[in-house]
Amino acid sequence: MENVELDVNKYVEQTSLLLDLQIKDEYFDGVVANFEKIKAIAQLVNSFPLPEEVEPAPVFEP
């Protein structure tokens, strides 16, 4: 799979159209900024290597 950089601005724009979600102009930049933060956190989490023997728990118990 090719490593393609995500254009967050375009992602928010297209996803809001797909969901029929009206984002007011004054909020759009804030929504994009929050998705940029979410993207950075997700990249950090996804880059963490897990050992092969790790299995998901069948039930989540906090």
N, C-alpha and C. Protein backbone atom coordinates (compact mmCIF):
# COMPACT_ATOMS: atom_id res chain seq x y z
N MET A 1 0.84 -1.17 0.00
CA MET A 1 0.00 0.00 0.00
C MET A 1 0.88 1.23 0.00
N GLU A 2 0.53 2.18 -0.82
CA GLU A 2 1.30 3.40 -0.94
C GLU A 2 0.99 4.33 0.23
N ASN A 3 2.03 4.97 0.77
CA ASN A 3 1.85 5.88 1.89
C ASN A 3 1.45 7.25 1.35
N VAL A 4 0.18 7.60 1.45
CA VAL A 4 -0.35 8.85 0.92
C VAL A 4 -0.67 9.78 2.09
N GLU A 5 -0.23 11.02 2.00
CA GLU A 5 -0.50 12.00 3.06
C GLU A 5 -1.96 12.44 2.99
N LEU A 6 -2.63 12.46 4.12
CA LEU A 6 -4.03 12.84 4.20
C LEU A 6 -4.16 14.36 4.21
N ASP A 7 -4.98 14.89 3.33
CA ASP A 7 -5.32 16.31 3.32
C ASP A 7 -6.53 16.48 4.23
N VAL A 8 -6.27 16.91 5.46
CA VAL A 8 -7.32 16.97 6.48
C VAL A 8 -8.41 17.96 6.08
N ASN A 9 -8.04 19.07 5.49
CA ASN A 9 -9.00 20.07 5.05
C ASN A 9 -10.01 19.45 4.08
N LYS A 10 -9.48 18.73 3.09
CA LYS A 10 -10.34 18.08 2.11
C LYS A 10 -11.15 16.95 2.74
N TYR A 11 -10.53 16.23 3.68
CA TYR A 11 -11.23 15.15 4.38
C TYR A 11 -12.46 15.67 5.11
N VAL A 12 -12.29 16.75 5.88
CA VAL A 12 -13.41 17.32 6.63
C VAL A 12 -14.49 17.80 5.67
N GLU A 13 -14.07 18.45 4.60
CA GLU A 13 -15.03 18.97 3.62
C GLU A 13 -15.84 17.84 2.99
N GLN A 14 -15.16 16.78 2.53
CA GLN A 14 -15.85 15.69 1.84
C GLN A 14 -16.69 14.85 2.81
N THR A 15 -16.18 14.62 4.02
CA THR A 15 -16.92 13.83 4.99
C THR A 15 -18.19 14.56 5.43
N SER A 16 -18.09 15.88 5.60
CA SER A 16 -19.29 16.62 5.98
C SER A 16 -20.35 16.56 4.88
N LEU A 17 -19.91 16.53 3.62
CA LEU A 17 -20.86 16.38 2.52
C LEU A 17 -21.51 14.99 2.54
N LEU A 18 -20.70 13.95 2.77
CA LEU A 18 -21.22 12.59 2.81
C LEU A 18 -22.23 12.40 3.95
N LEU A 19 -21.97 13.05 5.07
CA LEU A 19 -22.84 12.92 6.23
C LEU A 19 -23.98 13.93 6.23
N ASP A 20 -23.99 14.78 5.22
CA ASP A 20 -24.96 15.87 5.14
C ASP A 20 -24.92 16.70 6.42
N LEU A 21 -23.69 17.04 6.83
CA LEU A 21 -23.45 17.78 8.06
C LEU A 21 -22.99 19.19 7.68
N GLN A 22 -23.79 20.16 7.99
CA GLN A 22 -23.47 21.55 7.69
C GLN A 22 -22.49 22.07 8.75
N ILE A 23 -21.30 22.49 8.32
CA ILE A 23 -20.33 23.10 9.23
C ILE A 23 -20.26 24.58 8.87
N LYS A 24 -20.62 25.42 9.82
CA LYS A 24 -20.60 26.85 9.57
C LYS A 24 -19.17 27.32 9.30
N ASP A 25 -19.03 28.33 8.46
CA ASP A 25 -17.71 28.84 8.08
C ASP A 25 -16.85 29.21 9.28
N GLU A 26 -17.47 29.79 10.30
CA GLU A 26 -16.69 30.23 11.46
C GLU A 26 -16.15 29.06 12.30
N TYR A 27 -16.71 27.85 12.11
CA TYR A 27 -16.25 26.67 12.84
C TYR A 27 -15.34 25.76 12.03
N PHE A 28 -15.32 25.94 10.73
CA PHE A 28 -14.61 25.01 9.84
C PHE A 28 -13.13 24.88 10.21
N ASP A 29 -12.44 26.02 10.41
CA ASP A 29 -11.01 25.97 10.73
C ASP A 29 -10.76 25.25 12.05
N GLY A 30 -11.65 25.42 13.02
CA GLY A 30 -11.51 24.72 14.30
C GLY A 30 -11.70 23.22 14.15
N VAL A 31 -12.65 22.82 13.31
CA VAL A 31 -12.88 21.40 13.07
C VAL A 31 -11.65 20.78 12.40
N VAL A 32 -11.10 21.48 11.42
CA VAL A 32 -9.89 20.98 10.74
C VAL A 32 -8.73 20.88 11.74
N ALA A 33 -8.56 21.89 12.59
CA ALA A 33 -7.48 21.87 13.59
C ALA A 33 -7.63 20.68 14.53
N ASN A 34 -8.86 20.39 14.95
CA ASN A 34 -9.08 19.23 15.83
C ASN A 34 -8.79 17.92 15.13
N PHE A 35 -9.15 17.80 13.85
CA PHE A 35 -8.83 16.59 13.11
C PHE A 35 -7.32 16.44 12.89
N GLU A 36 -6.60 17.55 12.77
CA GLU A 36 -5.13 17.50 12.68
C GLU A 36 -4.56 16.90 13.97
N LYS A 37 -5.10 17.29 15.12
CA LYS A 37 -4.66 16.75 16.41
C LYS A 37 -4.99 15.27 16.52
N ILE A 38 -6.21 14.90 16.10
CA ILE A 38 -6.62 13.50 16.12
C ILE A 38 -5.69 12.66 15.23
N LYS A 39 -5.36 13.19 14.07
CA LYS A 39 -4.46 12.49 13.14
C LYS A 39 -3.09 12.26 13.78
N ALA A 40 -2.54 13.27 14.45
CA ALA A 40 -1.24 13.15 15.10
C ALA A 40 -1.27 12.09 16.21
N ILE A 41 -2.34 12.08 17.00
CA ILE A 41 -2.47 11.09 18.07
C ILE A 41 -2.60 9.69 17.48
N ALA A 42 -3.39 9.54 16.43
CA ALA A 42 -3.58 8.24 15.79
C ALA A 42 -2.28 7.72 15.20
N GLN A 43 -1.47 8.60 14.60
CA GLN A 43 -0.18 8.17 14.05
C GLN A 43 0.74 7.67 15.16
N LEU A 44 0.72 8.33 16.31
CA LEU A 44 1.53 7.90 17.45
C LEU A 44 1.09 6.52 17.93
N VAL A 45 -0.21 6.33 18.09
CA VAL A 45 -0.74 5.05 18.56
C VAL A 45 -0.45 3.94 17.55
N ASN A 46 -0.68 4.21 16.27
CA ASN A 46 -0.47 3.19 15.24
C ASN A 46 1.00 2.84 15.01
N SER A 47 1.90 3.73 15.40
CA SER A 47 3.33 3.45 15.20
C SER A 47 3.92 2.62 16.34
N PHE A 48 3.16 2.40 17.41
CA PHE A 48 3.64 1.63 18.55
C PHE A 48 3.63 0.14 18.21
N PRO A 49 4.80 -0.50 18.23
CA PRO A 49 4.83 -1.93 17.86
C PRO A 49 4.27 -2.81 18.98
N LEU A 50 3.52 -3.81 18.58
CA LEU A 50 2.98 -4.78 19.53
C LEU A 50 3.62 -6.14 19.27
N PRO A 51 3.93 -6.88 20.33
CA PRO A 51 4.48 -8.22 20.14
C PRO A 51 3.45 -9.14 19.47
N GLU A 52 3.92 -10.13 18.77
CA GLU A 52 3.05 -11.06 18.05
C GLU A 52 2.10 -11.82 18.98
N GLU A 53 2.52 -12.07 20.23
CA GLU A 53 1.70 -12.88 21.13
C GLU A 53 0.57 -12.09 21.79
N VAL A 54 0.48 -10.81 21.55
CA VAL A 54 -0.58 -9.99 22.14
C VAL A 54 -1.90 -10.27 21.42
N GLU A 55 -2.95 -10.54 22.22
CA GLU A 55 -4.27 -10.79 21.66
C GLU A 55 -5.27 -9.82 22.29
N PRO A 56 -6.30 -9.44 21.55
CA PRO A 56 -7.31 -8.56 22.14
C PRO A 56 -8.10 -9.28 23.23
N ALA A 57 -8.49 -8.54 24.22
CA ALA A 57 -9.31 -9.13 25.29
C ALA A 57 -10.72 -9.34 24.77
N PRO A 58 -11.35 -10.47 25.10
CA PRO A 58 -12.71 -10.72 24.61
C PRO A 58 -13.74 -9.79 25.24
N VAL A 59 -13.44 -9.28 26.45
CA VAL A 59 -14.35 -8.39 27.17
C VAL A 59 -13.53 -7.26 27.77
N PHE A 60 -14.00 -6.03 27.60
CA PHE A 60 -13.32 -4.89 28.20
C PHE A 60 -13.84 -4.68 29.61
N GLU A 61 -12.91 -4.68 30.56
CA GLU A 61 -13.26 -4.43 31.95
C GLU A 61 -12.36 -3.30 32.47
N PRO A 62 -12.94 -2.12 32.69
CA PRO A 62 -12.12 -0.99 33.16
C PRO A 62 -11.63 -1.19 34.59
